[in-house]
PDB file of N, CA and C in Angstrom:
ATOM      1  N   MET A   1      -6.355  12.126 -21.547  1.00  0.00           N
ATOM      2  CA  MET A   1      -6.750  11.412 -22.278  1.00  0.00           C
ATOM      3  C   MET A   1      -5.825  10.012 -20.817  1.00  0.00           C
ATOM      4  N   PHE A   2      -4.564  10.757 -20.286  1.00  0.00           N
ATOM      5  CA  PHE A   2      -3.907   9.262 -20.048  1.00  0.00           C
ATOM      6  C   PHE A   2      -4.373   9.406 -18.405  1.00  0.00           C
ATOM      7  N   PHE A   3      -4.860  10.069 -17.809  1.00  0.00           N
ATOM      8  CA  PHE A   3      -5.215   9.882 -16.124  1.00  0.00           C
ATOM      9  C   PHE A   3      -6.683   9.404 -16.896  1.00  0.00           C
ATOM     10  N   LYS A   4      -7.654   9.906 -17.292  1.00  0.00           N
ATOM     11  CA  LYS A   4      -8.988   8.588 -17.787  1.00  0.00           C
ATOM     12  C   LYS A   4      -9.136   7.553 -17.718  1.00  0.00           C
ATOM     13  N   GLU A   5      -7.763   6.927 -18.520  1.00  0.00           N
ATOM     14  CA  GLU A   5      -7.617   5.709 -18.674  1.00  0.00           C
ATOM     15  C   GLU A   5      -6.849   5.197 -17.741  1.00  0.00           C
ATOM     16  N   LYS A   6      -5.967   6.145 -16.549  1.00  0.00           N
ATOM     17  CA  LYS A   6      -6.188   5.294 -15.419  1.00  0.00           C
ATOM     18  C   LYS A   6      -6.845   5.462 -14.507  1.00  0.00           C
ATOM     19  N   GLU A   7      -8.166   6.331 -14.419  1.00  0.00           N
ATOM     20  CA  GLU A   7      -8.944   6.290 -13.253  1.00  0.00           C
ATOM     21  C   GLU A   7      -9.384   5.212 -13.848  1.00  0.00           C
ATOM     22  N   ASP A   8      -9.769   4.216 -15.049  1.00  0.00           N
ATOM     23  CA  ASP A   8     -10.576   3.443 -15.517  1.00  0.00           C
ATOM     24  C   ASP A   8     -10.120   2.365 -15.058  1.00  0.00           C
ATOM     25  N   ASP A   9      -8.001   2.053 -15.410  1.00  0.00           N
ATOM     26  CA  ASP A   9      -7.606   0.892 -14.557  1.00  0.00           C
ATOM     27  C   ASP A   9      -7.987   0.953 -13.044  1.00  0.00           C
ATOM     28  N   LYS A  10      -8.232   1.906 -12.334  1.00  0.00           N
ATOM     29  CA  LYS A  10      -8.168   1.830 -11.209  1.00  0.00           C
ATOM     30  C   LYS A  10      -9.693   1.158 -10.418  1.00  0.00           C
ATOM     31  N   LYS A  11     -10.563   1.808 -10.993  1.00  0.00           N
ATOM     32  CA  LYS A  11     -12.144   1.608 -10.995  1.00  0.00           C
ATOM     33  C   LYS A  11     -11.800   0.219 -11.173  1.00  0.00           C
ATOM     34  N   LEU A  12     -11.182  -0.484 -12.069  1.00  0.00           N
ATOM     35  CA  LEU A  12     -11.434  -2.062 -12.860  1.00  0.00           C
ATOM     36  C   LEU A  12     -10.589  -3.253 -11.497  1.00  0.00           C
ATOM     37  N   TYR A  13      -9.127  -2.016 -11.064  1.00  0.00           N
ATOM     38  CA  TYR A  13      -8.752  -2.976  -9.640  1.00  0.00           C
ATOM     39  C   TYR A  13      -9.673  -3.185  -8.528  1.00  0.00           C
ATOM     40  N   VAL A  14     -10.718  -1.776  -8.490  1.00  0.00           N
ATOM     41  CA  VAL A  14     -11.570  -2.170  -6.655  1.00  0.00           C
ATOM     42  C   VAL A  14     -12.092  -3.059  -7.138  1.00  0.00           C
ATOM     43  N   ASP A  15     -12.601  -3.328  -8.440  1.00  0.00           N
ATOM     44  CA  ASP A  15     -13.477  -4.399  -8.322  1.00  0.00           C
ATOM     45  C   ASP A  15     -13.874  -5.169  -8.535  1.00  0.00           C
ATOM     46  N   TYR A  16     -12.343  -5.667  -9.077  1.00  0.00           N
ATOM     47  CA  TYR A  16     -11.901  -7.160  -9.847  1.00  0.00           C
ATOM     48  C   TYR A  16     -11.693  -7.659  -7.393  1.00  0.00           C
ATOM     49  N   LEU A  17     -11.069  -6.469  -6.937  1.00  0.00           N
ATOM     50  CA  LEU A  17     -10.844  -6.837  -5.495  1.00  0.00           C
ATOM     51  C   LEU A  17     -11.729  -7.046  -4.957  1.00  0.00           C
ATOM     52  N   LEU A  18     -12.925  -6.141  -5.568  1.00  0.00           N
ATOM     53  CA  LEU A  18     -14.072  -6.102  -4.071  1.00  0.00           C
ATOM     54  C   LEU A  18     -15.047  -7.829  -4.859  1.00  0.00           C
ATOM     55  N   LYS A  19     -15.117  -8.241  -5.978  1.00  0.00           N
ATOM     56  CA  LYS A  19     -15.764  -9.151  -6.045  1.00  0.00           C
ATOM     57  C   LYS A  19     -14.825 -10.292  -5.415  1.00  0.00           C
ATOM     58  N   LYS A  20     -13.589 -10.192  -5.445  1.00  0.00           N
ATOM     59  CA  LYS A  20     -12.728 -11.320  -5.382  1.00  0.00           C
ATOM     60  C   LYS A  20     -12.936 -11.763  -3.865  1.00  0.00           C
ATOM     61  N   TYR A  21     -12.423 -11.064  -3.234  1.00  0.00           N
ATOM     62  CA  TYR A  21     -12.403 -10.693  -1.346  1.00  0.00           C
ATOM     63  C   TYR A  21     -13.874 -10.279  -0.849  1.00  0.00           C
ATOM     64  N   ASP A  22     -14.276  -9.246  -1.209  1.00  0.00           N
ATOM     65  CA  ASP A  22     -16.158  -8.916  -0.583  1.00  0.00           C
ATOM     66  C   ASP A  22     -15.817  -8.769   1.020  1.00  0.00           C
ATOM     67  N   LYS A  23     -14.466  -7.981   0.607  1.00  0.00           N
ATOM     68  CA  LYS A  23     -14.273  -7.071   1.532  1.00  0.00           C
ATOM     69  C   LYS A  23     -13.033  -6.049   0.997  1.00  0.00           C
ATOM     70  N   LEU A  24     -12.960  -4.951   1.545  1.00  0.00           N
ATOM     71  CA  LEU A  24     -13.003  -3.607   2.328  1.00  0.00           C
ATOM     72  C   LEU A  24     -11.201  -3.165   2.026  1.00  0.00           C
ATOM     73  N   GLY A  25     -10.581  -3.828   2.732  1.00  0.00           N
ATOM     74  CA  GLY A  25      -9.373  -4.667   2.973  1.00  0.00           C
ATOM     75  C   GLY A  25      -8.577  -5.859   2.738  1.00  0.00           C
ATOM     76  N   LEU A  26      -6.964  -5.919   2.685  1.00  0.00           N
ATOM     77  CA  LEU A  26      -6.473  -7.149   3.205  1.00  0.00           C
ATOM     78  C   LEU A  26      -5.958  -7.325   3.638  1.00  0.00           C
ATOM     79  N   ASN A  27      -5.071  -8.712   3.943  1.00  0.00           N
ATOM     80  CA  ASN A  27      -3.996  -9.072   4.313  1.00  0.00           C
ATOM     81  C   ASN A  27      -3.045  -9.187   3.903  1.00  0.00           C
ATOM     82  N   ARG A  28      -1.615  -9.014   5.020  1.00  0.00           N
ATOM     83  CA  ARG A  28      -0.774  -8.639   4.414  1.00  0.00           C
ATOM     84  C   ARG A  28      -0.195 -10.345   3.107  1.00  0.00           C
ATOM     85  N   LYS A  29      -0.801 -11.029   3.967  1.00  0.00           N
ATOM     86  CA  LYS A  29      -0.575 -13.063   2.400  1.00  0.00           C
ATOM     87  C   LYS A  29      -1.482 -12.675   1.147  1.00  0.00           C
ATOM     88  N   GLU A  30      -2.793 -11.788   1.255  1.00  0.00           N
ATOM     89  CA  GLU A  30      -3.475 -11.610   0.821  1.00  0.00           C
ATOM     90  C   GLU A  30      -2.716  -9.945  -0.707  1.00  0.00           C
ATOM     91  N   THR A  31      -3.052  -9.596  -0.024  1.00  0.00           N
ATOM     92  CA  THR A  31      -1.774  -8.595  -0.702  1.00  0.00           C
ATOM     93  C   THR A  31      -0.329  -8.838  -1.710  1.00  0.00           C
ATOM     94  N   ALA A  32       0.096  -9.729  -0.679  1.00  0.00           N
ATOM     95  CA  ALA A  32       1.335 -10.051  -1.309  1.00  0.00           C
ATOM     96  C   ALA A  32       1.260 -10.671  -2.667  1.00  0.00           C
ATOM     97  N   LYS A  33      -0.181 -11.848  -2.889  1.00  0.00           N
ATOM     98  CA  LYS A  33      -0.330 -12.548  -3.991  1.00  0.00           C
ATOM     99  C   LYS A  33      -0.904 -11.869  -5.237  1.00  0.00           C
ATOM    100  N   GLU A  34      -1.973 -10.402  -4.636  1.00  0.00           N
ATOM    101  CA  GLU A  34      -2.105  -9.671  -5.498  1.00  0.00           C
ATOM    102  C   GLU A  34      -0.720  -8.651  -6.412  1.00  0.00           C
ATOM    103  N   ILE A  35      -0.141  -8.663  -5.060  1.00  0.00           N
ATOM    104  CA  ILE A  35       0.700  -7.746  -5.908  1.00  0.00           C
ATOM    105  C   ILE A  35       1.754  -8.119  -6.583  1.00  0.00           C
ATOM    106  N   GLY A  36       2.466 -10.217  -6.476  1.00  0.00           N
ATOM    107  CA  GLY A  36       3.159 -10.655  -7.075  1.00  0.00           C
ATOM    108  C   GLY A  36       4.036 -10.670  -6.619  1.00  0.00           C
ATOM    109  N   ILE A  37       4.096 -10.590  -5.107  1.00  0.00           N
ATOM    110  CA  ILE A  37       5.601 -10.992  -4.628  1.00  0.00           C
ATOM    111  C   ILE A  37       5.332 -11.811  -3.374  1.00  0.00           C
ATOM    112  N   SER A  38       6.233 -12.502  -2.640  1.00  0.00           N
ATOM    113  CA  SER A  38       5.976 -13.618  -1.504  1.00  0.00           C
ATOM    114  C   SER A  38       5.783 -12.822  -0.540  1.00  0.00           C
ATOM    115  N   LEU A  39       5.247 -13.410   0.837  1.00  0.00           N
ATOM    116  CA  LEU A  39       4.797 -12.770   1.801  1.00  0.00           C
ATOM    117  C   LEU A  39       6.330 -12.742   2.928  1.00  0.00           C
ATOM    118  N   SER A  40       7.794 -13.050   2.085  1.00  0.00           N
ATOM    119  CA  SER A  40       8.261 -12.984   2.653  1.00  0.00           C
ATOM    120  C   SER A  40       8.754 -11.526   2.897  1.00  0.00           C
ATOM    121  N   GLN A  41       8.775 -11.362   0.843  1.00  0.00           N
ATOM    122  CA  GLN A  41       9.599 -10.215   0.179  1.00  0.00           C
ATOM    123  C   GLN A  41       8.893  -8.782   0.955  1.00  0.00           C
ATOM    124  N   LEU A  42       7.439  -8.657   0.925  1.00  0.00           N
ATOM    125  CA  LEU A  42       6.221  -7.984   1.593  1.00  0.00           C
ATOM    126  C   LEU A  42       6.657  -7.738   2.767  1.00  0.00           C
ATOM    127  N   ASP A  43       6.964  -8.844   4.065  1.00  0.00           N
ATOM    128  CA  ASP A  43       7.282  -8.249   5.148  1.00  0.00           C
ATOM    129  C   ASP A  43       9.331  -7.564   5.141  1.00  0.00           C
ATOM    130  N   LYS A  44      10.211  -7.854   4.312  1.00  0.00           N
ATOM    131  CA  LYS A  44      11.477  -7.006   4.155  1.00  0.00           C
ATOM    132  C   LYS A  44      10.628  -5.091   3.650  1.00  0.00           C
ATOM    133  N   LEU A  45       9.790  -5.465   2.800  1.00  0.00           N
ATOM    134  CA  LEU A  45       9.816  -3.864   2.178  1.00  0.00           C
ATOM    135  C   LEU A  45       8.651  -3.403   3.405  1.00  0.00           C
ATOM    136  N   LEU A  46       8.030  -3.995   4.480  1.00  0.00           N
ATOM    137  CA  LEU A  46       7.209  -3.866   5.460  1.00  0.00           C
ATOM    138  C   LEU A  46       8.455  -2.263   6.293  1.00  0.00           C
ATOM    139  N   ARG A  47       9.472  -3.393   7.063  1.00  0.00           N
ATOM    140  CA  ARG A  47      10.684  -3.420   7.600  1.00  0.00           C
ATOM    141  C   ARG A  47      10.745  -1.815   6.886  1.00  0.00           C
ATOM    142  N   ALA A  48      11.164  -2.111   5.384  1.00  0.00           N
ATOM    143  CA  ALA A  48      11.737  -1.028   4.462  1.00  0.00           C
ATOM    144  C   ALA A  48      11.434   0.209   5.219  1.00  0.00           C
ATOM    145  N   GLY A  49       9.983  -0.059   4.706  1.00  0.00           N
ATOM    146  CA  GLY A  49       9.346   1.091   4.448  1.00  0.00           C
ATOM    147  C   GLY A  49       8.847   1.658   2.936  1.00  0.00           C
ATOM    148  N   VAL A  50       8.978   0.886   2.476  1.00  0.00           N
ATOM    149  CA  VAL A  50       9.089   1.725   0.611  1.00  0.00           C
ATOM    150  C   VAL A  50       8.480   0.410   0.010  1.00  0.00           C
ATOM    151  N   GLY A  51       8.364   1.153  -1.107  1.00  0.00           N
ATOM    152  CA  GLY A  51       7.689   0.343  -2.164  1.00  0.00           C
ATOM    153  C   GLY A  51       6.348  -0.768  -1.993  1.00  0.00           C
ATOM    154  N   LEU A  52       5.428  -0.094  -1.293  1.00  0.00           N
ATOM    155  CA  LEU A  52       4.661  -0.956  -0.968  1.00  0.00           C
ATOM    156  C   LEU A  52       2.757  -0.232  -0.992  1.00  0.00           C
ATOM    157  N   PRO A  53       2.145   0.028  -1.593  1.00  0.00           N
ATOM    158  CA  PRO A  53       0.651   0.678  -1.125  1.00  0.00           C
ATOM    159  C   PRO A  53       0.442   1.023   0.466  1.00  0.00           C
ATOM    160  N   ASN A  54      -0.248   1.964   0.549  1.00  0.00           N
ATOM    161  CA  ASN A  54       0.040   2.433   1.656  1.00  0.00           C
ATOM    162  C   ASN A  54      -1.169   1.197   3.005  1.00  0.00           C
ATOM    163  N   TYR A  55      -0.913   1.429   4.140  1.00  0.00           N
ATOM    164  CA  TYR A  55      -1.655   0.163   4.699  1.00  0.00           C
ATOM    165  C   TYR A  55      -1.456   0.940   5.994  1.00  0.00           C
ATOM    166  N   LYS A  56      -3.045   0.531   6.833  1.00  0.00           N
ATOM    167  CA  LYS A  56      -3.410   0.571   8.163  1.00  0.00           C
ATOM    168  C   LYS A  56      -2.490  -0.381   8.770  1.00  0.00           C
ATOM    169  N   ARG A  57      -2.501  -0.012  10.175  1.00  0.00           N
ATOM    170  CA  ARG A  57      -1.983  -1.137  11.162  1.00  0.00           C
ATOM    171  C   ARG A  57      -3.107  -0.791  12.173  1.00  0.00           C
ATOM    172  N   LEU A  58      -3.383  -2.222  12.891  1.00  0.00           N
ATOM    173  CA  LEU A  58      -4.520  -1.794  13.892  1.00  0.00           C
ATOM    174  C   LEU A  58      -3.949  -1.957  14.677  1.00  0.00           C
ATOM    175  N   GLY A  59      -4.177  -1.287  15.542  1.00  0.00           N
ATOM    176  CA  GLY A  59      -3.123  -1.951  17.499  1.00  0.00           C
ATOM    177  C   GLY A  59      -2.365  -1.268  17.227  1.00  0.00           C
ATOM    178  N   LYS A  60      -0.645  -1.147  18.763  1.00  0.00           N
ATOM    179  CA  LYS A  60       0.031  -0.622  18.741  1.00  0.00           C
ATOM    180  C   LYS A  60       1.113  -0.754  19.130  1.00  0.00           C
ATOM    181  N   SER A  61       0.854  -1.995  19.393  1.00  0.00           N
ATOM    182  CA  SER A  61       1.756  -3.831  19.819  1.00  0.00           C
ATOM    183  C   SER A  61       3.011  -3.627  18.145  1.00  0.00           C
ATOM    184  N   GLN A  62       3.819  -4.270  18.012  1.00  0.00           N
ATOM    185  CA  GLN A  62       4.868  -4.544  17.461  1.00  0.00           C
ATOM    186  C   GLN A  62       4.352  -6.029  15.821  1.00  0.00           C
ATOM    187  N   LYS A  63       3.012  -6.527  16.888  1.00  0.00           N
ATOM    188  CA  LYS A  63       2.896  -7.478  16.451  1.00  0.00           C
ATOM    189  C   LYS A  63       1.782  -6.973  15.900  1.00  0.00           C
ATOM    190  N   SER A  64       1.079  -5.884  15.907  1.00  0.00           N
ATOM    191  CA  SER A  64      -0.488  -5.576  15.121  1.00  0.00           C
ATOM    192  C   SER A  64      -0.605  -5.879  13.476  1.00  0.00           C
ATOM    193  N   ARG A  65      -2.415  -6.070  13.809  1.00  0.00           N
ATOM    194  CA  ARG A  65      -2.600  -6.695  12.630  1.00  0.00           C
ATOM    195  C   ARG A  65      -1.797  -5.445  11.495  1.00  0.00           C
ATOM    196  N   ILE A  66      -2.023  -5.823  10.005  1.00  0.00           N
ATOM    197  CA  ILE A  66      -1.593  -5.072   9.105  1.00  0.00           C
ATOM    198  C   ILE A  66      -2.452  -5.039   7.949  1.00  0.00           C
ATOM    199  N   VAL A  67      -3.300  -4.240   7.133  1.00  0.00           N
ATOM    200  CA  VAL A  67      -4.842  -4.275   6.581  1.00  0.00           C
ATOM    201  C   VAL A  67      -4.349  -2.998   5.330  1.00  0.00           C
ATOM    202  N   PHE A  68      -4.395  -3.360   4.318  1.00  0.00           N
ATOM    203  CA  PHE A  68      -4.585  -3.131   3.197  1.00  0.00           C
ATOM    204  C   PHE A  68      -5.171  -2.427   2.509  1.00  0.00           C
ATOM    205  N   PRO A  69      -5.732  -1.370   2.841  1.00  0.00           N
ATOM    206  CA  PRO A  69      -7.398  -0.977   2.019  1.00  0.00           C
ATOM    207  C   PRO A  69      -7.005  -1.114   0.200  1.00  0.00           C
ATOM    208  N   ILE A  70      -8.290  -1.883   0.129  1.00  0.00           N
ATOM    209  CA  ILE A  70      -8.531  -2.143  -1.550  1.00  0.00           C
ATOM    210  C   ILE A  70      -7.599  -0.887  -2.559  1.00  0.00           C
ATOM    211  N   ASN A  71      -8.599   0.406  -2.375  1.00  0.00           N
ATOM    212  CA  ASN A  71      -8.381   1.451  -2.747  1.00  0.00           C
ATOM    213  C   ASN A  71      -6.778   1.301  -3.113  1.00  0.00           C
ATOM    214  N   GLU A  72      -6.455   1.623  -2.256  1.00  0.00           N
ATOM    215  CA  GLU A  72      -4.829   1.816  -2.048  1.00  0.00           C
ATOM    216  C   GLU A  72      -3.720   0.985  -2.996  1.00  0.00           C
ATOM    217  N   ILE A  73      -4.465  -0.480  -2.912  1.00  0.00           N
ATOM    218  CA  ILE A  73      -3.820  -1.389  -3.390  1.00  0.00           C
ATOM    219  C   ILE A  73      -4.036  -1.331  -5.425  1.00  0.00           C
ATOM    220  N   ALA A  74      -5.008  -0.935  -5.330  1.00  0.00           N
ATOM    221  CA  ALA A  74      -5.923  -0.935  -7.018  1.00  0.00           C
ATOM    222  C   ALA A  74      -5.052   0.740  -7.170  1.00  0.00           C
ATOM    223  N   ASP A  75      -4.926   1.681  -6.653  1.00  0.00           N
ATOM    224  CA  ASP A  75      -3.304   2.671  -6.922  1.00  0.00           C
ATOM    225  C   ASP A  75      -1.877   2.498  -7.355  1.00  0.00           C
ATOM    226  N   PHE A  76      -1.799   1.531  -6.584  1.00  0.00           N
ATOM    227  CA  PHE A  76      -0.131   1.037  -6.658  1.00  0.00           C
ATOM    228  C   PHE A  76      -0.403   0.131  -7.667  1.00  0.00           C
ATOM    229  N   LEU A  77      -1.475  -0.723  -8.523  1.00  0.00           N
ATOM    230  CA  LEU A  77      -1.252  -1.486  -9.205  1.00  0.00           C
ATOM    231  C   LEU A  77      -1.272  -0.489 -10.017  1.00  0.00           C
ATOM    232  N   THR A  78      -2.138   0.194 -10.727  1.00  0.00           N
ATOM    233  CA  THR A  78      -2.440   1.712 -11.294  1.00  0.00           C
ATOM    234  C   THR A  78      -0.856   2.166 -11.952  1.00  0.00           C
ATOM    235  N   LEU A  79      -0.201   1.987 -10.762  1.00  0.00           N
ATOM    236  CA  LEU A  79       1.178   3.349 -11.117  1.00  0.00           C
ATOM    237  C   LEU A  79       1.425   2.039 -11.665  1.00  0.00           C
ATOM    238  N   ALA A  80       2.286   0.548 -10.969  1.00  0.00           N
ATOM    239  CA  ALA A  80       3.240  -0.037 -11.133  1.00  0.00           C
ATOM    240  C   ALA A  80       2.577  -0.465 -13.147  1.00  0.00           C
ATOM    241  N   ALA A  81       1.455  -0.395 -13.339  1.00  0.00           N
ATOM    242  CA  ALA A  81       1.803  -0.759 -14.852  1.00  0.00           C
ATOM    243  C   ALA A  81       2.217   0.273 -15.665  1.00  0.00           C
TER     244      ALA A  81
END
């Protein structure tokens, strides 16, 4: 029963994020807003490598673009709730 509720919550988060942003991945600023932290805090957590949803780095340089898939954000928010 508990897992069914978590799956339902995840689906609600995914549907909400898809409707709001109309894309499958969010940038750093959008992700910070959705998980309720500042952009600078998100950057600190990225450097530390902990406490964030899984993400994809697009490119190999240090300043490559980072994208957070919405299903990973939904997982993170479901586990945090």
